[in-house]
């Protein structure tokens, strides 16, 4: 049995406390009015104003008209900046909530795939996967509460929830049959409820299989069938979830590849997390039945899914950019204009780096190498989620500040506490699985 060390528990609490304080500061430090934003913008453009004053003497009439237009433009810009800055702590929290939830959800999908495929190699990792999916109910409730708060107009992340915006936007009006608050929340409840039900049911069946009499694999057979059915449900709901929770932040934009693209980011992050938790447990003297071949296979999945993510990223980007259809290309124009560094930088973190370091088969057996690579991959896919969400919600007012860092620390601390608490509940070996011997003696 695993024992949750006091140091790790204290570390998780420290992360949550520091993160909570930082998140609270992020909310309290937002500007209170448009006038506050004007002062901020004025302070950041003092040099520009001095230059404009000098030019005013030479072009009196033209400058007067110009300043009137500029003043009007500045007022509009200040109002937009005000709304973006008010959204910023909400957006930072949303990115963190979605990032850790998607790790848990994709781990559940990977777990279901192992059962549906009747895989033998991964059985010794089942308890690790089940522990990571223990965050699913917690993360699901937090996300649902976040959506309810958004529907109460405590933030303006989902602009289609604002009746005033919808009243003046014909395109969103045509989508109100799908994009409306009651249906949105109902769909979210169905998604989260279905995922959590399978997680709890699968956990119950695997524990029952552990306690079954020798030769009785009825629980294993049930889980095999229900895992296959769940994967059908997951593929449909994951795609719809990506439309609802991320793509609808840009209600004028759409992509038929988006569901797969989000899934690719989810699955590589999930496999990476499974590898990191497994290596940590081995380092503490647990999981003695997990050998280098198991970690090698996890690293192969990290490598393969990184290539899969890159394929989908390029396919979506290239086709939309080349076609140059205004309704589609606007998504990438905003990201090239204001988010070029993270937008292109994540290609290095999510593709070039994994490609170069995980291509060698020998490196996939070196624990510290997998850990370093895994941390960089997780950072890269956090940036990926950041770039999916932030341009639509904070526009050009983005930066990695206290709100972003604190949100990650808060949810990371909660994630660590839930996952490692779940590991203490049952033995770390799913001994009742009929493929357990094959998994224990697996060698690549």
Protein backbone atom coordinates (compact mmCIF):
# COMPACT_ATOMS: atom_id res chain seq x y z
CA UNK A 1 0.00 0.00 0.00
CA UNK A 2 1.16 3.50 -0.80
CA UNK A 3 1.60 5.99 2.03
CA UNK A 4 1.05 9.67 1.20
CA UNK A 5 4.22 11.26 2.59
CA UNK A 6 3.78 14.24 4.90
CA UNK A 7 6.27 16.27 2.84
CA UNK A 8 4.34 15.80 -0.39
CA UNK A 9 1.06 16.52 1.40
CA UNK A 10 2.49 19.72 2.89
CA UNK A 11 3.86 20.64 -0.52
CA UNK A 12 0.42 20.27 -2.10
CA UNK A 13 -1.16 22.39 0.66
CA UNK A 14 1.54 25.03 0.24
CA UNK A 15 0.84 25.17 -3.50
CA UNK A 16 -2.89 25.56 -2.86
CA UNK A 17 -2.41 28.32 -0.28
CA UNK A 18 0.11 30.28 -2.37
CA UNK A 19 -2.01 29.77 -5.46
CA UNK A 20 -5.21 30.88 -3.72
CA UNK A 21 -3.57 34.06 -2.44
CA UNK A 22 -2.20 34.83 -5.89
CA UNK A 23 -5.54 34.18 -7.57
CA UNK A 24 -7.28 36.44 -5.04
CA UNK A 25 -4.69 39.15 -5.69
CA UNK A 26 -5.30 38.79 -9.42
CA UNK A 27 -9.01 39.44 -8.95
CA UNK A 28 -8.56 42.35 -6.54
CA UNK A 29 -5.90 44.05 -8.69
CA UNK A 30 -8.07 44.38 -11.80
CA UNK A 31 -9.06 47.95 -12.72
CA UNK A 32 -12.32 49.21 -11.25
CA UNK A 33 -13.36 51.46 -14.12
CA UNK A 34 -12.57 52.55 -17.66
CA UNK A 35 -10.98 55.69 -16.22
CA UNK A 36 -8.44 53.56 -14.36
CA UNK A 37 -7.55 51.86 -17.63
CA UNK A 38 -7.15 55.24 -19.35
CA UNK A 39 -4.66 56.25 -16.68
CA UNK A 40 -2.77 52.99 -17.18
CA UNK A 41 -2.69 53.46 -20.94
CA UNK A 42 -1.64 57.09 -20.58
CA UNK A 43 1.26 56.16 -18.33
CA UNK A 44 2.44 53.58 -20.82
CA UNK A 45 2.35 56.02 -23.73
CA UNK A 46 4.02 59.12 -22.27
CA UNK A 47 6.73 59.14 -24.88
CA UNK A 48 4.24 58.87 -27.69
CA UNK A 49 2.24 61.78 -26.26
CA UNK A 50 5.35 63.98 -26.06
CA UNK A 51 6.09 63.29 -29.73
CA UNK A 52 2.50 64.06 -30.69
CA UNK A 53 2.68 67.38 -28.79
CA UNK A 54 5.74 68.47 -30.75
CA UNK A 55 4.07 67.64 -34.06
CA UNK A 56 0.97 69.58 -33.04
CA UNK A 57 2.73 72.94 -33.43
CA UNK A 58 3.53 72.29 -37.10
CA UNK A 59 0.15 70.86 -38.11
CA UNK A 60 -2.45 72.73 -36.05
CA UNK A 61 -5.63 72.13 -38.05
CA UNK A 62 -4.85 68.59 -39.11
CA UNK A 63 -3.72 67.70 -35.63
CA UNK A 64 -6.93 69.01 -34.05
CA UNK A 65 -9.03 66.75 -36.25
CA UNK A 66 -6.63 63.91 -35.73
CA UNK A 67 -6.73 64.28 -31.95
CA UNK A 68 -10.52 64.20 -31.99
CA UNK A 69 -10.40 60.89 -33.86
CA UNK A 70 -7.62 59.60 -31.67
CA UNK A 71 -9.54 60.57 -28.52
CA UNK A 72 -12.56 58.65 -29.75
CA UNK A 73 -10.35 55.71 -30.68
CA UNK A 74 -8.63 55.85 -27.29
CA UNK A 75 -11.97 55.75 -25.50
CA UNK A 76 -13.01 52.64 -27.42
CA UNK A 77 -9.62 51.04 -26.86
CA UNK A 78 -9.76 51.81 -23.15
CA UNK A 79 -13.21 50.22 -22.87
CA UNK A 80 -12.04 47.08 -24.67
CA UNK A 81 -8.92 46.94 -22.51
CA UNK A 82 -11.07 47.31 -19.38
CA UNK A 83 -13.22 44.29 -20.29
CA UNK A 84 -10.14 42.26 -21.25
CA UNK A 85 -8.36 43.07 -17.98
CA UNK A 86 -11.47 42.16 -15.97
CA UNK A 87 -11.51 38.83 -17.81
CA UNK A 88 -7.83 38.14 -17.25
CA UNK A 89 -7.93 36.45 -13.78
CA UNK A 90 -11.02 34.47 -14.85
CA UNK A 91 -9.26 33.35 -18.02
CA UNK A 92 -6.10 32.35 -16.16
CA UNK A 93 -8.17 30.27 -13.74
CA UNK A 94 -10.11 28.71 -16.61
CA UNK A 95 -6.93 27.69 -18.44
CA UNK A 96 -5.63 25.95 -15.30
CA UNK A 97 -8.97 24.28 -14.54
CA UNK A 98 -9.32 22.96 -18.08
CA UNK A 99 -5.67 21.88 -18.36
CA UNK A 100 -5.69 19.62 -15.29
CA UNK A 101 -9.20 18.36 -16.01
CA UNK A 102 -8.20 17.35 -19.53
CA UNK A 103 -5.21 15.41 -18.12
CA UNK A 104 -7.54 13.41 -15.89
CA UNK A 105 -10.14 12.94 -18.64
CA UNK A 106 -7.63 11.80 -21.26
CA UNK A 107 -6.08 9.42 -18.73
CA UNK A 108 -9.55 7.91 -18.35
CA UNK A 109 -9.79 7.52 -22.13
CA UNK A 110 -6.32 5.92 -22.27
CA UNK A 111 -7.36 3.60 -19.42
CA UNK A 112 -10.55 2.63 -21.31
CA UNK A 113 -8.51 1.94 -24.44
CA UNK A 114 -6.32 -0.49 -22.50
CA UNK A 115 -9.39 -2.41 -21.33
CA UNK A 116 -11.13 -2.36 -24.71
CA UNK A 117 -7.95 -3.53 -26.45
CA UNK A 118 -7.35 -6.16 -23.74
CA UNK A 119 -3.80 -4.88 -23.48
CA UNK A 120 -1.43 -6.84 -21.30
CA UNK A 121 1.58 -4.55 -20.93
CA UNK A 122 -0.22 -1.75 -19.09
CA UNK A 123 -2.00 -3.69 -16.31
CA UNK A 124 0.65 -2.82 -13.72
CA UNK A 125 -0.04 0.87 -14.41
CA UNK A 126 -3.81 0.67 -13.88
CA UNK A 127 -3.74 1.91 -10.29
CA UNK A 128 -1.72 4.95 -11.35
CA UNK A 129 -4.23 5.71 -14.09
CA UNK A 130 -7.14 5.25 -11.68
CA UNK A 131 -5.51 7.64 -9.22
CA UNK A 132 -5.08 10.33 -11.87
CA UNK A 133 -8.71 9.92 -12.91
CA UNK A 134 -9.74 10.44 -9.25
CA UNK A 135 -9.36 14.16 -9.99
CA UNK A 136 -12.16 13.90 -12.58
CA UNK A 137 -15.12 14.37 -10.17
CA UNK A 138 -13.37 17.25 -8.38
CA UNK A 139 -12.27 18.96 -11.58
CA UNK A 140 -15.65 18.36 -13.20
CA UNK A 141 -17.53 20.03 -10.35
CA UNK A 142 -15.12 22.99 -10.36
CA UNK A 143 -15.56 23.47 -14.11
CA UNK A 144 -19.34 23.21 -13.89
CA UNK A 145 -19.41 25.82 -11.11
CA UNK A 146 -17.20 28.02 -13.29
CA UNK A 147 -19.70 27.72 -16.16
CA UNK A 148 -22.60 28.59 -13.85
CA UNK A 149 -20.73 31.69 -12.66
CA UNK A 150 -20.08 32.62 -16.29
CA UNK A 151 -23.78 32.25 -17.07
CA UNK A 152 -24.52 34.68 -14.21
CA UNK A 153 -22.37 37.27 -16.07
CA UNK A 154 -19.66 37.40 -13.40
CA UNK A 155 -17.25 37.35 -16.33
CA UNK A 156 -17.48 37.88 -20.09
CA UNK A 157 -15.52 34.92 -21.39
CA UNK A 158 -18.41 33.45 -23.37
CA UNK A 159 -19.70 36.51 -25.20
CA UNK A 160 -22.65 34.60 -26.64
CA UNK A 161 -24.03 34.47 -23.07
CA UNK A 162 -24.45 38.27 -23.14
CA UNK A 163 -27.93 39.24 -24.49
CA UNK A 164 -26.67 42.67 -25.58
CA UNK A 165 -23.94 41.12 -27.73
CA UNK A 166 -26.35 38.60 -29.25
CA UNK A 167 -28.89 41.35 -30.04
CA UNK A 168 -26.36 43.07 -32.32
CA UNK A 169 -24.71 39.98 -33.82
CA UNK A 170 -26.64 38.19 -36.54
CA UNK A 171 -24.17 35.30 -36.76
CA UNK A 172 -24.50 34.46 -33.06
CA UNK A 173 -28.28 34.86 -33.34
CA UNK A 174 -28.29 32.10 -35.93
CA UNK A 175 -26.49 29.81 -33.44
CA UNK A 176 -28.72 30.44 -30.43
CA UNK A 177 -30.47 27.11 -30.92
CA UNK A 178 -27.21 25.50 -29.80
CA UNK A 179 -25.42 28.32 -27.99
CA UNK A 180 -27.82 29.12 -25.18
CA UNK A 181 -27.16 28.89 -21.45
CA UNK A 182 -29.66 26.17 -20.42
CA UNK A 183 -28.61 23.82 -23.24
CA UNK A 184 -24.93 24.61 -22.64
CA UNK A 185 -25.15 23.72 -18.94
CA UNK A 186 -27.25 20.64 -19.68
CA UNK A 187 -24.66 19.38 -22.15
CA UNK A 188 -21.85 20.04 -19.67
CA UNK A 189 -23.74 18.08 -17.01
CA UNK A 190 -24.21 15.15 -19.42
CA UNK A 191 -20.55 15.13 -20.42
CA UNK A 192 -19.18 15.36 -16.90
CA UNK A 193 -21.78 12.99 -15.47
CA UNK A 194 -21.09 10.34 -18.13
CA UNK A 195 -17.33 10.53 -17.70
CA UNK A 196 -17.53 10.35 -13.92
CA UNK A 197 -20.00 7.44 -14.04
CA UNK A 198 -17.64 5.36 -16.17
CA UNK A 199 -14.69 6.22 -13.96
CA UNK A 200 -16.50 5.17 -10.79
CA UNK A 201 -17.97 2.06 -12.41
CA UNK A 202 -14.64 0.94 -13.86
CA UNK A 203 -12.95 1.43 -10.52
CA UNK A 204 -15.66 -0.65 -8.82
CA UNK A 205 -15.29 -3.49 -11.33
CA UNK A 206 -11.49 -3.64 -11.12
CA UNK A 207 -11.62 -3.79 -7.32
CA UNK A 208 -14.29 -6.49 -7.53
CA UNK A 209 -12.07 -8.43 -9.94
CA UNK A 210 -9.23 -8.27 -7.40
CA UNK A 211 -11.45 -9.97 -4.84
CA UNK A 212 -13.03 -12.50 -7.22
CA UNK A 213 -12.39 -16.21 -6.88
CA UNK A 214 -9.67 -17.77 -9.02
CA UNK A 215 -10.80 -18.20 -12.62
CA UNK A 216 -13.76 -15.82 -12.33
CA UNK A 217 -13.27 -13.04 -14.89
CA UNK A 218 -16.88 -11.87 -15.09
CA UNK A 219 -16.03 -8.39 -13.82
CA UNK A 220 -13.17 -8.15 -16.31
CA UNK A 221 -15.53 -9.12 -19.14
CA UNK A 222 -18.09 -6.52 -18.06
CA UNK A 223 -15.43 -3.84 -17.99
CA UNK A 224 -14.17 -4.86 -21.43
CA UNK A 225 -17.64 -4.37 -22.94
CA UNK A 226 -18.42 -1.18 -21.06
CA UNK A 227 -15.04 0.33 -21.91
CA UNK A 228 -15.73 -0.20 -25.61
CA UNK A 229 -19.15 1.47 -25.22
CA UNK A 230 -17.64 4.29 -23.19
CA UNK A 231 -15.09 5.07 -25.91
CA UNK A 232 -17.93 5.71 -28.36
CA UNK A 233 -19.54 8.04 -25.82
CA UNK A 234 -16.19 9.70 -25.14
CA UNK A 235 -15.37 10.38 -28.79
CA UNK A 236 -18.70 12.13 -29.33
CA UNK A 237 -18.74 14.07 -26.08
CA UNK A 238 -15.07 15.07 -26.23
CA UNK A 239 -15.60 16.67 -29.64
CA UNK A 240 -18.74 18.46 -28.46
CA UNK A 241 -16.96 19.52 -25.28
CA UNK A 242 -14.18 21.13 -27.31
CA UNK A 243 -16.78 23.07 -29.33
CA UNK A 244 -18.67 24.17 -26.22
CA UNK A 245 -15.89 24.94 -23.79
CA UNK A 246 -13.21 26.36 -26.09
CA UNK A 247 -14.35 26.98 -29.66
CA UNK A 248 -17.45 28.88 -28.53
CA UNK A 249 -15.15 31.46 -26.95
CA UNK A 250 -14.69 32.52 -30.60
CA UNK A 251 -18.33 32.09 -31.70
CA UNK A 252 -17.63 33.42 -35.20
CA UNK A 253 -14.95 30.81 -35.88
CA UNK A 254 -15.16 27.09 -36.53
CA UNK A 255 -12.92 24.19 -37.46
CA UNK A 256 -13.89 20.61 -38.27
CA UNK A 257 -10.53 19.42 -36.91
CA UNK A 258 -10.79 21.14 -33.56
CA UNK A 259 -12.15 18.20 -31.56
CA UNK A 260 -9.28 15.97 -32.68
CA UNK A 261 -6.77 18.75 -32.09
CA UNK A 262 -7.89 19.21 -28.48
CA UNK A 263 -7.88 15.44 -27.99
CA UNK A 264 -4.28 15.20 -29.23
CA UNK A 265 -3.18 17.80 -26.67
CA UNK A 266 -5.15 15.97 -23.96
CA UNK A 267 -3.81 12.48 -24.62
CA UNK A 268 -0.12 13.40 -24.82
CA UNK A 269 -0.44 15.35 -21.56
CA UNK A 270 -2.22 12.40 -19.93
CA UNK A 271 0.38 9.79 -20.94
CA UNK A 272 3.14 12.13 -19.81
CA UNK A 273 1.49 12.52 -16.40
CA UNK A 274 1.13 8.73 -16.05
CA UNK A 275 4.86 8.40 -16.76
CA UNK A 276 5.84 11.13 -14.27
CA UNK A 277 3.70 9.71 -11.45
CA UNK A 278 4.99 6.19 -12.12
CA UNK A 279 8.61 7.30 -12.06
CA UNK A 280 8.02 9.24 -8.83
CA UNK A 281 6.49 6.17 -7.16
CA UNK A 282 9.35 3.95 -8.35
CA UNK A 283 11.80 6.45 -6.93
CA UNK A 284 10.08 6.13 -3.56
CA UNK A 285 10.35 2.33 -3.59
CA UNK A 286 6.87 1.52 -4.91
CA UNK A 287 5.81 -0.06 -8.22
CA UNK A 288 8.67 -2.55 -8.14
CA UNK A 289 6.75 -4.53 -10.79
CA UNK A 290 7.02 -1.63 -13.26
CA UNK A 291 10.18 -2.04 -15.30
CA UNK A 292 12.05 -0.01 -17.90
CA UNK A 293 10.05 -1.61 -20.70
CA UNK A 294 6.81 -0.16 -19.30
CA UNK A 295 8.37 3.28 -19.08
CA UNK A 296 9.82 2.82 -22.55
CA UNK A 297 6.32 2.20 -23.91
CA UNK A 298 4.94 5.26 -22.13
CA UNK A 299 7.75 7.32 -23.65
CA UNK A 300 6.89 5.89 -27.08
CA UNK A 301 3.32 7.09 -26.61
CA UNK A 302 4.63 10.50 -25.56
CA UNK A 303 6.66 10.61 -28.76
CA UNK A 304 3.90 9.26 -31.01
CA UNK A 305 1.14 11.50 -29.67
CA UNK A 306 3.45 14.52 -29.94
CA UNK A 307 3.81 13.78 -33.66
CA UNK A 308 0.05 13.25 -33.89
CA UNK A 309 -0.55 16.65 -32.25
CA UNK A 310 1.84 18.31 -34.69
CA UNK A 311 0.11 16.69 -37.66
CA UNK A 312 -3.26 18.07 -36.53
CA UNK A 313 -1.81 21.49 -35.68
CA UNK A 314 -0.25 21.81 -39.11
CA UNK A 315 -3.30 20.42 -40.92
CA UNK A 316 -5.64 22.87 -39.23
CA UNK A 317 -3.30 25.82 -39.65
CA UNK A 318 -2.19 25.14 -43.21
CA UNK A 319 -5.65 24.48 -44.66
CA UNK A 320 -7.24 27.52 -43.03
CA UNK A 321 -4.34 29.86 -43.76
CA UNK A 322 -4.01 28.76 -47.37
CA UNK A 323 -7.77 29.00 -48.09
CA UNK A 324 -7.79 32.48 -46.53
CA UNK A 325 -11.54 32.48 -45.83
CA UNK A 326 -12.25 35.48 -43.56
CA UNK A 327 -14.52 33.57 -41.16
CA UNK A 328 -11.76 31.01 -40.56
CA UNK A 329 -8.46 32.82 -40.92
CA UNK A 330 -9.34 35.45 -38.31
CA UNK A 331 -8.52 32.87 -35.63
CA UNK A 332 -4.89 32.68 -36.70
CA UNK A 333 -4.57 36.38 -37.53
CA UNK A 334 -5.20 37.30 -33.89
CA UNK A 335 -2.71 34.69 -32.70
CA UNK A 336 -0.03 35.76 -35.16
CA UNK A 337 -0.58 39.40 -34.32
CA UNK A 338 -0.61 39.34 -30.51
CA UNK A 339 0.50 35.82 -29.52
CA UNK A 340 3.26 35.04 -31.98
CA UNK A 341 5.81 34.01 -29.33
CA UNK A 342 3.64 31.43 -27.48
CA UNK A 343 1.84 30.39 -30.67
CA UNK A 344 5.02 29.49 -32.51
CA UNK A 345 7.05 28.73 -29.38
CA UNK A 346 4.79 25.84 -28.44
CA UNK A 347 5.85 24.13 -31.67
CA UNK A 348 9.34 23.89 -30.22
CA UNK A 349 8.04 22.58 -26.88
CA UNK A 350 5.43 20.20 -28.29
CA UNK A 351 7.10 18.98 -31.48
CA UNK A 352 10.78 19.75 -32.06
CA UNK A 353 11.92 18.99 -28.53
CA UNK A 354 10.06 15.64 -28.14
CA UNK A 355 11.06 14.69 -31.68
CA UNK A 356 14.75 15.25 -31.08
CA UNK A 357 15.04 13.76 -27.58
CA UNK A 358 12.56 10.87 -27.70
CA UNK A 359 13.49 9.51 -31.12
CA UNK A 360 16.37 7.56 -29.60
CA UNK A 361 15.08 4.32 -28.10
CA UNK A 362 17.76 4.24 -25.39
CA UNK A 363 16.69 7.62 -23.99
CA UNK A 364 13.18 6.28 -23.45
CA UNK A 365 14.55 4.00 -20.72
CA UNK A 366 16.31 6.72 -18.73
CA UNK A 367 14.01 7.91 -15.95
CA UNK A 368 15.46 11.38 -15.39
CA UNK A 369 15.40 11.96 -19.14
CA UNK A 370 11.71 11.06 -19.34
CA UNK A 371 10.98 13.36 -16.38
CA UNK A 372 12.75 16.37 -17.91
CA UNK A 373 11.11 15.77 -21.28
CA UNK A 374 7.71 15.23 -19.67
CA UNK A 375 7.83 18.49 -17.73
CA UNK A 376 8.65 20.42 -20.89
CA UNK A 377 5.85 18.65 -22.78
CA UNK A 378 3.33 19.57 -20.05
CA UNK A 379 4.48 23.19 -20.12
CA UNK A 380 4.13 23.18 -23.90
CA UNK A 381 0.57 21.88 -23.79
CA UNK A 382 -0.36 24.34 -21.06
CA UNK A 383 0.79 27.03 -23.48
CA UNK A 384 -1.32 25.34 -26.16
CA UNK A 385 -4.46 25.66 -23.99
CA UNK A 386 -3.42 29.20 -23.10
CA UNK A 387 -3.28 30.15 -26.78
CA UNK A 388 -6.64 28.48 -27.43
CA UNK A 389 -8.39 30.51 -24.72
CA UNK A 390 -6.66 33.82 -24.08
CA UNK A 391 -6.92 35.60 -27.48
CA UNK A 392 -10.73 35.39 -27.36
CA UNK A 393 -11.02 36.46 -23.73
CA UNK A 394 -8.23 38.95 -23.01
CA UNK A 395 -7.20 40.06 -26.50
CA UNK A 396 -3.88 41.90 -26.55
CA UNK A 397 -3.83 42.37 -22.75
CA UNK A 398 -2.10 39.05 -22.12
CA UNK A 399 1.06 38.21 -20.22
CA UNK A 400 2.22 35.45 -17.89
CA UNK A 401 1.75 37.13 -14.54
CA UNK A 402 0.60 36.43 -11.01
CA UNK A 403 -2.89 35.32 -12.07
CA UNK A 404 -1.58 32.72 -14.51
CA UNK A 405 1.14 31.33 -12.26
CA UNK A 406 -1.07 31.30 -9.16
CA UNK A 407 -3.92 29.55 -10.96
CA UNK A 408 -1.56 26.77 -12.03
CA UNK A 409 -0.15 26.44 -8.51
CA UNK A 410 -3.63 26.32 -6.96
CA UNK A 411 -4.98 23.60 -9.24
CA UNK A 412 -1.66 21.71 -9.31
CA UNK A 413 -1.70 21.52 -5.51
CA UNK A 414 -5.28 20.24 -5.55
CA UNK A 415 -4.41 17.76 -8.33
CA UNK A 416 -1.44 16.36 -6.39
CA UNK A 417 -3.47 16.03 -3.20
CA UNK A 418 -6.38 14.21 -4.89
CA UNK A 419 -4.21 11.89 -7.00
CA UNK A 420 -1.85 10.78 -4.25
CA UNK A 421 -4.67 10.47 -1.74
CA UNK A 422 -6.39 8.10 -4.17
CA UNK A 423 -3.23 5.99 -4.38
CA UNK A 424 -3.46 5.24 -0.66
CA UNK A 425 -6.93 3.68 -0.94
CA UNK A 426 -6.02 0.38 -2.64
CA UNK A 427 -2.97 -1.82 -3.36
CA UNK A 428 -0.87 -0.55 -6.26
CA UNK A 429 -1.24 -3.80 -8.23
CA UNK A 430 -4.46 -4.84 -9.98
CA UNK A 431 -3.82 -8.49 -9.09
CA UNK A 432 -7.19 -9.81 -10.31
CA UNK A 433 -6.63 -8.89 -13.95
CA UNK A 434 -6.14 -12.04 -16.10
CA UNK A 435 -3.17 -10.41 -17.86
CA UNK A 436 -1.31 -9.51 -14.69
CA UNK A 437 1.47 -12.05 -15.17
CA UNK A 438 2.04 -10.96 -18.75
CA UNK A 439 2.30 -7.35 -17.55
CA UNK A 440 4.69 -8.14 -14.70
CA UNK A 441 7.04 -9.97 -17.08
CA UNK A 442 6.67 -7.53 -19.96
CA UNK A 443 9.90 -6.82 -21.83
CA UNK A 444 10.34 -4.86 -25.02
